[in-house]
Amino acid sequence: MKIGIVGAGPRGLSLCERLVVNHSAADEPIEIFLFDHVGIGGSVWREEQSKNLKMNTVAQQVTLFTDDRVDIMGKKRNGLDLFQWSKQLGYEFIKRNGGKEKQYFMEEVLRLKENDVTSRALYGFYQRWFYQQLRQQLSPKKQVTFFKTKVLAALPHKQGFLVTTEHQPQFVDQLALATGYWQNEGTKEETEFFQYAKKNGLIYQPPSNAADVVVDSIPGAQPIFFGD
């Protein structure tokens, strides 16, 4: 059985974890393909973003483990929440795996308190650690392969799906989309706003992932209108 998961953020990783943990030695072999063009954690939680972007949940309430607090069918799996990981393993993990900004995040885990909100990027580090932990549970009958590539199309093919990527296509028996928020094309109204702003020397930012928005061109001490 080959299962494809498009999106390696929290939803994709959680699904991958459930498939791996609940797969028993008596089941047929399972091979999971994770696709994400940004990396483990996806675009929202990537390391290369403004440190001013914060999560909206406090550290001790964030976890990817399906532990005893969850009423769910299948095996439970206890593990460190984001706060516990920060205090026990986060510093060394970031020291080994962090990029050019790793010193900032090493200091963030040291000063973090239970009810603090963390930077989005710190949660991205936690997700990368979680993925590494998940891979340690694999056996010859359980395999997970990560493809750092953009999925261009996914179409029914025979008894499954053919996933077309920027590299080689992959056939899967089952396919799950865990892409989070989609980047939609602008509506007619949004297009008109953009054209008006361009014509009048204004700045208009349509709905988008906050990590992708460039705010450096907005003058200081100027009024800003937020639309709904």
N, C-alpha and C. Protein backbone atom coordinates (compact mmCIF):
# COMPACT_ATOMS: atom_id res chain seq x y z
N MET A 1 0.84 -1.19 0.00
CA MET A 1 0.00 0.00 0.00
C MET A 1 0.88 1.25 0.00
N LYS A 2 0.67 2.09 -0.99
CA LYS A 2 1.39 3.36 -1.07
C LYS A 2 0.40 4.50 -0.82
N ILE A 3 0.73 5.37 0.13
CA ILE A 3 -0.14 6.48 0.49
C ILE A 3 0.62 7.79 0.31
N GLY A 4 0.04 8.72 -0.42
CA GLY A 4 0.64 10.03 -0.62
C GLY A 4 -0.02 11.07 0.26
N ILE A 5 0.79 11.96 0.84
CA ILE A 5 0.29 13.07 1.64
C ILE A 5 0.90 14.35 1.08
N VAL A 6 0.05 15.22 0.58
CA VAL A 6 0.52 16.50 0.02
C VAL A 6 0.46 17.54 1.12
N GLY A 7 1.61 17.99 1.57
CA GLY A 7 1.70 18.95 2.67
C GLY A 7 2.36 18.32 3.87
N ALA A 8 3.50 18.87 4.30
CA ALA A 8 4.24 18.31 5.43
C ALA A 8 4.21 19.24 6.63
N GLY A 9 3.10 19.97 6.78
CA GLY A 9 2.89 20.77 7.98
C GLY A 9 2.27 19.94 9.08
N PRO A 10 1.69 20.57 10.10
CA PRO A 10 1.13 19.82 11.23
C PRO A 10 0.09 18.78 10.84
N ARG A 11 -0.79 19.12 9.90
CA ARG A 11 -1.83 18.15 9.51
C ARG A 11 -1.23 16.95 8.78
N GLY A 12 -0.32 17.21 7.86
CA GLY A 12 0.31 16.12 7.14
C GLY A 12 1.14 15.24 8.05
N LEU A 13 1.89 15.86 8.97
CA LEU A 13 2.70 15.08 9.90
C LEU A 13 1.84 14.27 10.86
N SER A 14 0.72 14.85 11.30
CA SER A 14 -0.18 14.12 12.20
C SER A 14 -0.77 12.90 11.51
N LEU A 15 -1.17 13.06 10.25
CA LEU A 15 -1.70 11.93 9.51
C LEU A 15 -0.63 10.87 9.32
N CYS A 16 0.56 11.29 8.99
CA CYS A 16 1.67 10.35 8.82
C CYS A 16 1.93 9.58 10.11
N GLU A 17 1.88 10.29 11.23
CA GLU A 17 2.10 9.65 12.54
C GLU A 17 1.04 8.60 12.84
N ARG A 18 -0.24 8.92 12.54
CA ARG A 18 -1.33 7.98 12.80
C ARG A 18 -1.17 6.71 11.94
N LEU A 19 -0.77 6.90 10.69
CA LEU A 19 -0.58 5.75 9.81
C LEU A 19 0.56 4.87 10.28
N VAL A 20 1.65 5.47 10.70
CA VAL A 20 2.81 4.71 11.15
C VAL A 20 2.53 3.99 12.47
N VAL A 21 1.96 4.71 13.43
CA VAL A 21 1.76 4.14 14.77
C VAL A 21 0.72 3.03 14.75
N ASN A 22 -0.33 3.17 13.95
CA ASN A 22 -1.40 2.18 13.95
C ASN A 22 -1.16 1.02 12.99
N HIS A 23 -0.08 1.07 12.25
CA HIS A 23 0.26 -0.03 11.35
C HIS A 23 0.92 -1.14 12.15
N SER A 24 0.38 -2.34 12.07
CA SER A 24 0.91 -3.46 12.84
C SER A 24 1.73 -4.39 11.95
N ALA A 25 2.48 -5.27 12.60
CA ALA A 25 3.34 -6.20 11.86
C ALA A 25 2.52 -7.14 10.99
N ALA A 26 1.24 -7.34 11.34
CA ALA A 26 0.39 -8.25 10.58
C ALA A 26 -0.18 -7.60 9.33
N ASP A 27 -0.12 -6.29 9.24
CA ASP A 27 -0.68 -5.58 8.09
C ASP A 27 0.25 -5.69 6.89
N GLU A 28 -0.31 -5.41 5.71
CA GLU A 28 0.54 -5.38 4.52
C GLU A 28 1.53 -4.23 4.62
N PRO A 29 2.66 -4.32 3.95
CA PRO A 29 3.65 -3.22 4.00
C PRO A 29 3.01 -1.89 3.59
N ILE A 30 3.46 -0.83 4.21
CA ILE A 30 2.93 0.50 3.92
C ILE A 30 4.10 1.42 3.58
N GLU A 31 3.93 2.20 2.52
CA GLU A 31 4.93 3.18 2.11
C GLU A 31 4.24 4.53 1.98
N ILE A 32 4.73 5.51 2.73
CA ILE A 32 4.12 6.83 2.76
C ILE A 32 5.03 7.83 2.06
N PHE A 33 4.44 8.59 1.13
CA PHE A 33 5.16 9.64 0.42
C PHE A 33 4.66 10.99 0.92
N LEU A 34 5.57 11.79 1.48
CA LEU A 34 5.24 13.14 1.93
C LEU A 34 5.78 14.13 0.89
N PHE A 35 4.90 15.04 0.44
CA PHE A 35 5.31 16.04 -0.55
C PHE A 35 5.16 17.44 0.05
N ASP A 36 6.20 18.25 -0.05
CA ASP A 36 6.11 19.66 0.32
C ASP A 36 7.28 20.39 -0.31
N HIS A 37 7.00 21.46 -1.05
CA HIS A 37 8.07 22.15 -1.77
C HIS A 37 8.94 23.02 -0.86
N VAL A 38 8.49 23.28 0.36
CA VAL A 38 9.27 24.10 1.29
C VAL A 38 10.14 23.22 2.19
N GLY A 39 9.55 22.17 2.73
CA GLY A 39 10.28 21.29 3.63
C GLY A 39 9.35 20.83 4.74
N ILE A 40 9.88 20.06 5.68
CA ILE A 40 9.10 19.61 6.82
C ILE A 40 8.64 20.84 7.61
N GLY A 41 7.35 20.93 7.88
CA GLY A 41 6.79 22.10 8.54
C GLY A 41 6.02 22.99 7.57
N GLY A 42 6.37 22.92 6.29
CA GLY A 42 5.66 23.71 5.30
C GLY A 42 6.00 25.19 5.34
N SER A 43 5.28 25.98 4.56
CA SER A 43 5.61 27.39 4.38
C SER A 43 5.27 28.25 5.59
N VAL A 44 4.21 27.90 6.34
CA VAL A 44 3.79 28.74 7.46
C VAL A 44 4.80 28.72 8.60
N TRP A 45 5.48 27.58 8.78
CA TRP A 45 6.35 27.41 9.95
C TRP A 45 7.82 27.39 9.59
N ARG A 46 8.18 27.85 8.41
CA ARG A 46 9.56 27.79 7.97
C ARG A 46 10.46 28.72 8.79
N GLU A 47 11.72 28.38 8.81
CA GLU A 47 12.68 29.14 9.62
C GLU A 47 12.92 30.55 9.07
N GLU A 48 12.92 30.69 7.75
CA GLU A 48 13.25 31.97 7.12
C GLU A 48 12.02 32.86 7.03
N GLN A 49 11.60 33.42 8.14
CA GLN A 49 10.49 34.36 8.18
C GLN A 49 10.70 35.31 9.35
N SER A 50 9.91 36.36 9.39
CA SER A 50 10.05 37.34 10.45
C SER A 50 9.84 36.71 11.82
N LYS A 51 10.72 37.00 12.74
CA LYS A 51 10.59 36.49 14.10
C LYS A 51 9.45 37.16 14.86
N ASN A 52 8.90 38.23 14.29
CA ASN A 52 7.76 38.91 14.92
C ASN A 52 6.45 38.15 14.71
N LEU A 53 6.45 37.18 13.80
CA LEU A 53 5.25 36.39 13.57
C LEU A 53 5.17 35.30 14.64
N LYS A 54 4.09 35.32 15.42
CA LYS A 54 3.95 34.42 16.57
C LYS A 54 2.81 33.43 16.35
N MET A 55 2.86 32.34 17.11
CA MET A 55 1.74 31.41 17.15
C MET A 55 0.59 32.05 17.93
N ASN A 56 -0.60 31.48 17.81
CA ASN A 56 -1.73 32.00 18.58
C ASN A 56 -2.17 31.04 19.68
N THR A 57 -1.27 30.11 20.05
CA THR A 57 -1.52 29.16 21.13
C THR A 57 -0.28 29.11 22.01
N VAL A 58 -0.46 29.04 23.33
CA VAL A 58 0.69 29.04 24.24
C VAL A 58 1.45 27.72 24.11
N ALA A 59 2.72 27.75 24.46
CA ALA A 59 3.65 26.66 24.18
C ALA A 59 3.22 25.32 24.78
N GLN A 60 2.70 25.33 26.02
CA GLN A 60 2.38 24.07 26.67
C GLN A 60 1.12 23.41 26.10
N GLN A 61 0.38 24.11 25.25
CA GLN A 61 -0.83 23.56 24.65
C GLN A 61 -0.62 23.12 23.20
N VAL A 62 0.63 23.11 22.75
CA VAL A 62 0.95 22.74 21.37
C VAL A 62 1.68 21.40 21.37
N THR A 63 1.14 20.43 20.67
CA THR A 63 1.80 19.14 20.54
C THR A 63 1.38 18.45 19.26
N LEU A 64 2.22 17.58 18.75
CA LEU A 64 1.87 16.75 17.61
C LEU A 64 1.63 15.30 18.02
N PHE A 65 1.77 15.02 19.31
CA PHE A 65 1.56 13.67 19.81
C PHE A 65 0.09 13.43 20.14
N THR A 66 -0.41 12.28 19.77
CA THR A 66 -1.78 11.88 20.11
C THR A 66 -1.72 11.12 21.42
N ASP A 67 -1.74 11.87 22.52
CA ASP A 67 -1.48 11.27 23.83
C ASP A 67 -2.78 11.00 24.58
N ASP A 68 -2.68 10.78 25.87
CA ASP A 68 -3.83 10.37 26.69
C ASP A 68 -4.87 11.47 26.82
N ARG A 69 -4.55 12.69 26.44
CA ARG A 69 -5.53 13.78 26.52
C ARG A 69 -6.51 13.76 25.36
N VAL A 70 -6.25 12.91 24.38
CA VAL A 70 -7.06 12.88 23.17
C VAL A 70 -7.96 11.65 23.18
N ASP A 71 -9.25 11.87 22.93
CA ASP A 71 -10.20 10.78 22.83
C ASP A 71 -10.28 10.36 21.37
N ILE A 72 -9.53 9.33 21.01
CA ILE A 72 -9.42 8.93 19.61
C ILE A 72 -9.22 7.43 19.54
N MET A 73 -9.71 6.84 18.46
CA MET A 73 -9.48 5.42 18.24
C MET A 73 -8.03 5.19 17.82
N GLY A 74 -7.53 4.01 18.10
CA GLY A 74 -6.16 3.69 17.73
C GLY A 74 -5.21 3.85 18.89
N LYS A 75 -3.96 3.59 18.63
CA LYS A 75 -2.94 3.64 19.67
C LYS A 75 -2.64 5.07 20.08
N LYS A 76 -2.42 5.27 21.36
CA LYS A 76 -1.98 6.57 21.86
C LYS A 76 -0.44 6.62 21.82
N ARG A 77 0.07 7.81 21.72
CA ARG A 77 1.53 7.97 21.68
C ARG A 77 1.91 9.23 22.46
N ASN A 78 2.43 9.03 23.65
CA ASN A 78 2.83 10.16 24.48
C ASN A 78 4.16 10.73 24.01
N GLY A 79 4.31 12.01 24.19
CA GLY A 79 5.55 12.67 23.80
C GLY A 79 5.59 14.09 24.31
N LEU A 80 6.67 14.77 24.04
CA LEU A 80 6.89 16.12 24.54
C LEU A 80 6.04 17.13 23.79
N ASP A 81 5.39 18.03 24.54
CA ASP A 81 4.73 19.16 23.87
C ASP A 81 5.79 20.20 23.54
N LEU A 82 5.38 21.28 22.91
CA LEU A 82 6.34 22.28 22.44
C LEU A 82 7.15 22.88 23.58
N PHE A 83 6.48 23.16 24.71
CA PHE A 83 7.21 23.74 25.85
C PHE A 83 8.21 22.74 26.42
N GLN A 84 7.77 21.51 26.64
CA GLN A 84 8.66 20.49 27.20
C GLN A 84 9.85 20.23 26.28
N TRP A 85 9.58 20.17 24.99
CA TRP A 85 10.67 19.97 24.03
C TRP A 85 11.66 21.12 24.08
N SER A 86 11.13 22.34 24.19
CA SER A 86 12.00 23.51 24.23
C SER A 86 12.98 23.44 25.40
N LYS A 87 12.49 22.98 26.55
CA LYS A 87 13.31 22.95 27.75
C LYS A 87 14.23 21.74 27.81
N GLN A 88 13.83 20.64 27.20
CA GLN A 88 14.61 19.40 27.33
C GLN A 88 15.54 19.13 26.14
N LEU A 89 15.04 19.38 24.94
CA LEU A 89 15.79 18.98 23.75
C LEU A 89 15.98 20.10 22.73
N GLY A 90 15.18 21.16 22.86
CA GLY A 90 15.15 22.19 21.83
C GLY A 90 16.49 22.86 21.58
N TYR A 91 17.19 23.22 22.66
CA TYR A 91 18.45 23.96 22.52
C TYR A 91 19.46 23.18 21.68
N GLU A 92 19.67 21.90 22.04
CA GLU A 92 20.66 21.09 21.33
C GLU A 92 20.21 20.78 19.90
N PHE A 93 18.90 20.57 19.72
CA PHE A 93 18.41 20.27 18.37
C PHE A 93 18.65 21.46 17.45
N ILE A 94 18.32 22.65 17.92
CA ILE A 94 18.52 23.86 17.10
C ILE A 94 20.00 24.11 16.88
N LYS A 95 20.80 23.84 17.89
CA LYS A 95 22.25 24.03 17.76
C LYS A 95 22.82 23.16 16.64
N ARG A 96 22.28 21.94 16.50
CA ARG A 96 22.77 21.02 15.47
C ARG A 96 22.11 21.26 14.11
N ASN A 97 20.84 21.68 14.12
CA ASN A 97 20.07 21.71 12.88
C ASN A 97 19.66 23.11 12.43
N GLY A 98 19.94 24.12 13.23
CA GLY A 98 19.53 25.47 12.88
C GLY A 98 20.40 26.07 11.79
N GLY A 99 19.88 27.10 11.16
CA GLY A 99 20.61 27.79 10.10
C GLY A 99 21.33 29.00 10.63
N LYS A 100 21.40 30.04 9.82
CA LYS A 100 22.17 31.22 10.17
C LYS A 100 21.57 32.00 11.33
N GLU A 101 20.27 31.79 11.61
CA GLU A 101 19.61 32.50 12.70
C GLU A 101 19.47 31.63 13.95
N LYS A 102 20.19 30.54 14.02
CA LYS A 102 19.97 29.58 15.11
C LYS A 102 20.23 30.17 16.49
N GLN A 103 21.12 31.16 16.62
CA GLN A 103 21.40 31.74 17.92
C GLN A 103 20.16 32.38 18.52
N TYR A 104 19.35 33.02 17.68
CA TYR A 104 18.12 33.64 18.16
C TYR A 104 17.19 32.59 18.75
N PHE A 105 17.02 31.49 18.04
CA PHE A 105 16.08 30.46 18.49
C PHE A 105 16.62 29.69 19.69
N MET A 106 17.91 29.54 19.81
CA MET A 106 18.50 28.93 21.01
C MET A 106 18.21 29.79 22.23
N GLU A 107 18.28 31.10 22.05
CA GLU A 107 17.97 32.00 23.16
C GLU A 107 16.47 32.01 23.44
N GLU A 108 15.65 31.84 22.40
CA GLU A 108 14.20 31.82 22.60
C GLU A 108 13.77 30.65 23.48
N VAL A 109 14.33 29.47 23.25
CA VAL A 109 13.93 28.32 24.07
C VAL A 109 14.39 28.47 25.51
N LEU A 110 15.49 29.18 25.73
CA LEU A 110 15.98 29.37 27.10
C LEU A 110 15.07 30.29 27.90
N ARG A 111 14.50 31.29 27.26
CA ARG A 111 13.67 32.26 27.99
C ARG A 111 12.18 31.90 27.95
N LEU A 112 11.81 30.87 27.22
CA LEU A 112 10.41 30.50 27.04
C LEU A 112 9.77 30.04 28.34
N LYS A 113 8.54 30.50 28.60
CA LYS A 113 7.76 30.05 29.75
C LYS A 113 6.53 29.29 29.24
N GLU A 114 5.89 28.55 30.14
CA GLU A 114 4.81 27.65 29.76
C GLU A 114 3.70 28.35 28.98
N ASN A 115 3.33 29.55 29.41
CA ASN A 115 2.20 30.24 28.79
C ASN A 115 2.63 31.34 27.83
N ASP A 116 3.87 31.25 27.36
CA ASP A 116 4.33 32.17 26.32
C ASP A 116 3.92 31.63 24.95
N VAL A 117 3.77 32.56 24.02
CA VAL A 117 3.61 32.14 22.62
C VAL A 117 4.98 32.21 21.96
N THR A 118 5.27 31.25 21.13
CA THR A 118 6.58 31.19 20.49
C THR A 118 6.51 31.81 19.10
N SER A 119 7.66 32.01 18.52
CA SER A 119 7.71 32.39 17.11
C SER A 119 7.20 31.23 16.27
N ARG A 120 6.66 31.55 15.11
CA ARG A 120 6.21 30.49 14.21
C ARG A 120 7.36 29.56 13.85
N ALA A 121 8.52 30.14 13.63
CA ALA A 121 9.66 29.35 13.19
C ALA A 121 10.08 28.32 14.23
N LEU A 122 9.93 28.64 15.52
CA LEU A 122 10.32 27.68 16.55
C LEU A 122 9.45 26.43 16.47
N TYR A 123 8.17 26.62 16.18
CA TYR A 123 7.29 25.46 16.00
C TYR A 123 7.74 24.65 14.79
N GLY A 124 8.32 25.32 13.80
CA GLY A 124 8.86 24.61 12.65
C GLY A 124 10.00 23.68 13.05
N PHE A 125 10.87 24.14 13.94
CA PHE A 125 11.94 23.28 14.45
C PHE A 125 11.36 22.06 15.18
N TYR A 126 10.33 22.29 15.97
CA TYR A 126 9.67 21.20 16.70
C TYR A 126 9.12 20.17 15.72
N GLN A 127 8.54 20.62 14.63
CA GLN A 127 8.00 19.69 13.64
C GLN A 127 9.09 18.88 12.97
N ARG A 128 10.22 19.50 12.71
CA ARG A 128 11.35 18.75 12.13
C ARG A 128 11.85 17.69 13.10
N TRP A 129 11.92 18.04 14.38
CA TRP A 129 12.31 17.05 15.39
C TRP A 129 11.30 15.92 15.46
N PHE A 130 10.01 16.27 15.43
CA PHE A 130 8.95 15.26 15.49
C PHE A 130 9.07 14.29 14.32
N TYR A 131 9.35 14.79 13.14
CA TYR A 131 9.50 13.94 11.96
C TYR A 131 10.68 12.97 12.14
N GLN A 132 11.77 13.47 12.71
CA GLN A 132 12.91 12.59 12.96
C GLN A 132 12.54 11.49 13.96
N GLN A 133 11.78 11.85 14.99
CA GLN A 133 11.34 10.86 15.96
C GLN A 133 10.44 9.81 15.31
N LEU A 134 9.58 10.26 14.42
CA LEU A 134 8.67 9.35 13.74
C LEU A 134 9.43 8.34 12.89
N ARG A 135 10.46 8.79 12.23
CA ARG A 135 11.24 7.91 11.38
C ARG A 135 11.95 6.82 12.16
N GLN A 136 12.19 7.07 13.43
CA GLN A 136 12.85 6.05 14.26
C GLN A 136 11.93 4.87 14.55
N GLN A 137 10.63 5.03 14.32
CA GLN A 137 9.68 3.96 14.55
C GLN A 137 9.47 3.08 13.32
N LEU A 138 10.15 3.40 12.25
CA LEU A 138 9.94 2.66 11.01
C LEU A 138 10.59 1.28 11.08
N SER A 139 10.06 0.39 10.27
CA SER A 139 10.56 -0.98 10.16
C SER A 139 10.56 -1.34 8.69
N PRO A 140 11.05 -2.52 8.31
CA PRO A 140 11.02 -2.90 6.89
C PRO A 140 9.62 -2.87 6.28
N LYS A 141 8.57 -2.97 7.11
CA LYS A 141 7.21 -2.95 6.59
C LYS A 141 6.58 -1.57 6.68
N LYS A 142 7.31 -0.60 7.21
CA LYS A 142 6.82 0.77 7.32
C LYS A 142 7.90 1.73 6.80
N GLN A 143 7.59 2.43 5.73
CA GLN A 143 8.55 3.33 5.14
C GLN A 143 7.93 4.71 4.90
N VAL A 144 8.72 5.74 5.14
CA VAL A 144 8.28 7.12 4.87
C VAL A 144 9.35 7.79 4.03
N THR A 145 8.94 8.37 2.91
CA THR A 145 9.87 9.08 2.03
C THR A 145 9.38 10.51 1.85
N PHE A 146 10.27 11.47 2.07
CA PHE A 146 9.91 12.88 1.91
C PHE A 146 10.45 13.40 0.58
N PHE A 147 9.58 14.08 -0.17
CA PHE A 147 9.97 14.70 -1.44
C PHE A 147 9.84 16.21 -1.30
N LYS A 148 10.96 16.90 -1.36
CA LYS A 148 10.93 18.36 -1.31
C LYS A 148 10.71 18.87 -2.73
N THR A 149 9.44 18.93 -3.11
CA THR A 149 9.08 19.31 -4.46
C THR A 149 7.64 19.78 -4.48
N LYS A 150 7.29 20.57 -5.47
CA LYS A 150 5.92 21.07 -5.61
C LYS A 150 5.08 20.05 -6.39
N VAL A 151 3.90 19.78 -5.87
CA VAL A 151 2.97 18.91 -6.58
C VAL A 151 2.22 19.75 -7.62
N LEU A 152 2.31 19.35 -8.87
CA LEU A 152 1.70 20.10 -9.97
C LEU A 152 0.32 19.58 -10.32
N ALA A 153 0.08 18.29 -10.11
CA ALA A 153 -1.22 17.71 -10.42
C ALA A 153 -1.34 16.37 -9.72
N ALA A 154 -2.57 15.97 -9.45
CA ALA A 154 -2.86 14.66 -8.86
C ALA A 154 -4.16 14.17 -9.49
N LEU A 155 -4.05 13.16 -10.33
CA LEU A 155 -5.20 12.70 -11.10
C LEU A 155 -5.43 11.21 -10.88
N PRO A 156 -6.70 10.79 -10.91
CA PRO A 156 -6.99 9.35 -10.80
C PRO A 156 -6.25 8.57 -11.87
N HIS A 157 -5.70 7.43 -11.47
CA HIS A 157 -4.94 6.60 -12.40
C HIS A 157 -5.09 5.15 -12.00
N LYS A 158 -5.70 4.36 -12.86
CA LYS A 158 -5.97 2.96 -12.56
C LYS A 158 -6.75 2.86 -11.26
N GLN A 159 -6.21 2.17 -10.26
CA GLN A 159 -6.92 2.03 -8.99
C GLN A 159 -6.40 3.02 -7.93
N GLY A 160 -5.65 4.04 -8.35
CA GLY A 160 -5.09 4.99 -7.40
C GLY A 160 -4.97 6.37 -8.00
N PHE A 161 -3.83 7.02 -7.75
CA PHE A 161 -3.62 8.39 -8.22
C PHE A 161 -2.20 8.53 -8.75
N LEU A 162 -2.05 9.31 -9.80
CA LEU A 162 -0.73 9.66 -10.31
C LEU A 162 -0.41 11.08 -9.87
N VAL A 163 0.62 11.24 -9.06
CA VAL A 163 1.02 12.54 -8.52
C VAL A 163 2.17 13.09 -9.36
N THR A 164 1.91 14.18 -10.06
CA THR A 164 2.93 14.81 -10.89
C THR A 164 3.61 15.91 -10.11
N THR A 165 4.93 15.86 -10.04
CA THR A 165 5.71 16.85 -9.30
C THR A 165 6.68 17.55 -10.24
N GLU A 166 7.51 18.42 -9.68
CA GLU A 166 8.53 19.10 -10.46
C GLU A 166 9.61 18.13 -10.92
N HIS A 167 9.65 16.96 -10.28
CA HIS A 167 10.65 15.96 -10.65
C HIS A 167 9.93 14.75 -11.26
N GLN A 168 10.11 13.59 -10.72
CA GLN A 168 9.49 12.41 -11.31
C GLN A 168 8.10 12.16 -10.71
N PRO A 169 7.16 11.64 -11.51
CA PRO A 169 5.83 11.36 -10.99
C PRO A 169 5.85 10.15 -10.06
N GLN A 170 4.86 10.10 -9.17
CA GLN A 170 4.75 9.00 -8.22
C GLN A 170 3.32 8.46 -8.26
N PHE A 171 3.19 7.13 -8.28
CA PHE A 171 1.88 6.50 -8.20
C PHE A 171 1.59 6.12 -6.76
N VAL A 172 0.38 6.44 -6.27
CA VAL A 172 -0.03 6.05 -4.92
C VAL A 172 -1.41 5.41 -4.98
N ASP A 173 -1.66 4.53 -4.02
CA ASP A 173 -2.97 3.88 -3.94
C ASP A 173 -4.01 4.80 -3.32
N GLN A 174 -3.57 5.59 -2.33
CA GLN A 174 -4.46 6.54 -1.65
C GLN A 174 -3.75 7.87 -1.56
N LEU A 175 -4.53 8.97 -1.57
CA LEU A 175 -3.94 10.30 -1.54
C LEU A 175 -4.70 11.20 -0.59
N ALA A 176 -3.98 11.92 0.25
CA ALA A 176 -4.58 12.88 1.18
C ALA A 176 -3.99 14.25 0.95
N LEU A 177 -4.83 15.28 0.96
CA LEU A 177 -4.38 16.66 0.82
C LEU A 177 -4.35 17.31 2.19
N ALA A 178 -3.18 17.76 2.60
CA ALA A 178 -3.00 18.45 3.87
C ALA A 178 -2.27 19.76 3.61
N THR A 179 -2.83 20.54 2.69
CA THR A 179 -2.15 21.73 2.19
C THR A 179 -2.43 22.99 2.98
N GLY A 180 -3.33 22.90 3.98
CA GLY A 180 -3.65 24.10 4.73
C GLY A 180 -4.39 25.10 3.87
N TYR A 181 -4.08 26.39 4.07
CA TYR A 181 -4.75 27.45 3.31
C TYR A 181 -4.18 27.53 1.90
N TRP A 182 -5.07 27.59 0.92
CA TRP A 182 -4.65 27.71 -0.46
C TRP A 182 -4.38 29.16 -0.81
N GLN A 183 -3.46 29.35 -1.76
CA GLN A 183 -3.17 30.69 -2.28
C GLN A 183 -4.08 30.93 -3.48
N ASN A 184 -5.23 31.54 -3.23
CA ASN A 184 -6.22 31.72 -4.29
C ASN A 184 -5.85 32.88 -5.22
N GLU A 185 -6.39 32.82 -6.43
CA GLU A 185 -6.26 33.96 -7.33
C GLU A 185 -7.14 35.10 -6.82
N GLY A 186 -6.74 36.31 -7.14
CA GLY A 186 -7.47 37.48 -6.67
C GLY A 186 -8.88 37.56 -7.24
N THR A 187 -9.80 37.99 -6.40
CA THR A 187 -11.17 38.20 -6.87
C THR A 187 -11.22 39.47 -7.73
N LYS A 188 -12.36 39.70 -8.35
CA LYS A 188 -12.53 40.91 -9.16
C LYS A 188 -12.33 42.15 -8.30
N GLU A 189 -12.89 42.15 -7.08
CA GLU A 189 -12.76 43.30 -6.20
C GLU A 189 -11.31 43.50 -5.78
N GLU A 190 -10.61 42.42 -5.45
CA GLU A 190 -9.20 42.53 -5.04
C GLU A 190 -8.34 43.04 -6.19
N THR A 191 -8.63 42.59 -7.40
CA THR A 191 -7.89 43.07 -8.56
C THR A 191 -8.11 44.57 -8.77
N GLU A 192 -9.34 45.03 -8.57
CA GLU A 192 -9.63 46.46 -8.70
C GLU A 192 -8.90 47.26 -7.63
N PHE A 193 -8.87 46.76 -6.40
CA PHE A 193 -8.14 47.43 -5.32
C PHE A 193 -6.66 47.55 -5.68
N PHE A 194 -6.08 46.47 -6.19
CA PHE A 194 -4.67 46.46 -6.54
C PHE A 194 -4.38 47.49 -7.64
N GLN A 195 -5.21 47.52 -8.65
CA GLN A 195 -5.01 48.46 -9.76
C GLN A 195 -5.17 49.90 -9.30
N TYR A 196 -6.13 50.16 -8.41
CA TYR A 196 -6.33 51.52 -7.88
C TYR A 196 -5.11 51.95 -7.07
N ALA A 197 -4.62 51.03 -6.22
CA ALA A 197 -3.46 51.37 -5.39
C ALA A 197 -2.23 51.66 -6.26
N LYS A 198 -2.02 50.85 -7.28
CA LYS A 198 -0.88 51.05 -8.16
C LYS A 198 -0.98 52.39 -8.89
N LYS A 199 -2.17 52.74 -9.34
CA LYS A 199 -2.39 53.98 -10.09
C LYS A 199 -2.17 55.20 -9.21
N ASN A 200 -2.50 55.09 -7.92
CA ASN A 200 -2.44 56.25 -7.02
C ASN A 200 -1.27 56.23 -6.05
N GLY A 201 -0.30 55.38 -6.32
CA GLY A 201 0.90 55.36 -5.49
C GLY A 201 0.66 54.84 -4.08
N LEU A 202 -0.32 53.95 -3.93
CA LEU A 202 -0.64 53.37 -2.64
C LEU A 202 -0.15 51.92 -2.58
N ILE A 203 -0.30 51.32 -1.42
CA ILE A 203 0.09 49.92 -1.24
C ILE A 203 -1.15 49.11 -0.89
N TYR A 204 -1.39 48.07 -1.66
CA TYR A 204 -2.51 47.17 -1.36
C TYR A 204 -1.98 45.75 -1.25
N GLN A 205 -2.26 45.11 -0.12
CA GLN A 205 -1.83 43.74 0.11
C GLN A 205 -3.06 42.82 0.17
N PRO A 206 -3.24 41.97 -0.83
CA PRO A 206 -4.37 41.04 -0.78
C PRO A 206 -4.13 39.96 0.27
N PRO A 207 -5.16 39.16 0.60
CA PRO A 207 -4.98 38.08 1.57
C PRO A 207 -3.83 37.17 1.16
N SER A 208 -2.98 36.83 2.15
CA SER A 208 -1.80 36.03 1.84
C SER A 208 -1.22 35.47 3.13
N ASN A 209 -0.32 34.53 2.98
CA ASN A 209 0.44 34.03 4.13
C ASN A 209 1.29 35.17 4.67
N ALA A 210 1.15 35.44 5.96
CA ALA A 210 1.86 36.58 6.56
C ALA A 210 3.36 36.49 6.38
N ALA A 211 3.88 35.28 6.32
CA ALA A 211 5.32 35.11 6.16
C ALA A 211 5.81 35.54 4.79
N ASP A 212 4.90 35.66 3.83
CA ASP A 212 5.28 36.03 2.47
C ASP A 212 5.04 37.51 2.17
N VAL A 213 4.47 38.24 3.11
CA VAL A 213 4.14 39.64 2.89
C VAL A 213 5.34 40.53 3.18
N VAL A 214 5.66 41.41 2.23
CA VAL A 214 6.77 42.35 2.40
C VAL A 214 6.20 43.68 2.90
N VAL A 215 6.57 44.06 4.12
CA VAL A 215 6.01 45.29 4.71
C VAL A 215 7.04 46.42 4.78
N ASP A 216 8.25 46.19 4.28
CA ASP A 216 9.30 47.20 4.39
C ASP A 216 8.96 48.49 3.65
N SER A 217 8.11 48.39 2.62
CA SER A 217 7.80 49.58 1.82
C SER A 217 6.69 50.43 2.43
N ILE A 218 6.08 49.99 3.55
CA ILE A 218 5.03 50.77 4.20
C ILE A 218 5.67 51.85 5.06
N PRO A 219 5.40 53.12 4.81
CA PRO A 219 6.02 54.20 5.60
C PRO A 219 5.58 54.14 7.06
N GLY A 220 6.44 54.61 7.94
CA GLY A 220 6.11 54.63 9.35
C GLY A 220 5.12 55.73 9.69
N ALA A 221 4.37 55.53 10.77
CA ALA A 221 3.41 56.51 11.28
C ALA A 221 2.35 56.90 10.26
N GLN A 222 1.98 55.94 9.40
CA GLN A 222 0.95 56.19 8.40
C GLN A 222 -0.28 55.35 8.72
N PRO A 223 -1.48 55.88 8.46
CA PRO A 223 -2.70 55.10 8.72
C PRO A 223 -2.79 53.89 7.78
N ILE A 224 -3.26 52.77 8.34
CA ILE A 224 -3.42 51.54 7.57
C ILE A 224 -4.85 51.07 7.73
N PHE A 225 -5.47 50.68 6.63
CA PHE A 225 -6.83 50.17 6.66
C PHE A 225 -6.80 48.65 6.47
N PHE A 226 -7.40 47.94 7.41
CA PHE A 226 -7.49 46.49 7.33
C PHE A 226 -8.89 46.10 6.88
N GLY A 227 -8.97 45.38 5.78
CA GLY A 227 -10.25 44.89 5.29
C GLY A 227 -10.58 43.54 5.90
N ASP A 228 -11.83 43.17 5.82
CA ASP A 228 -12.27 41.87 6.33
C ASP A 228 -12.26 40.85 5.21
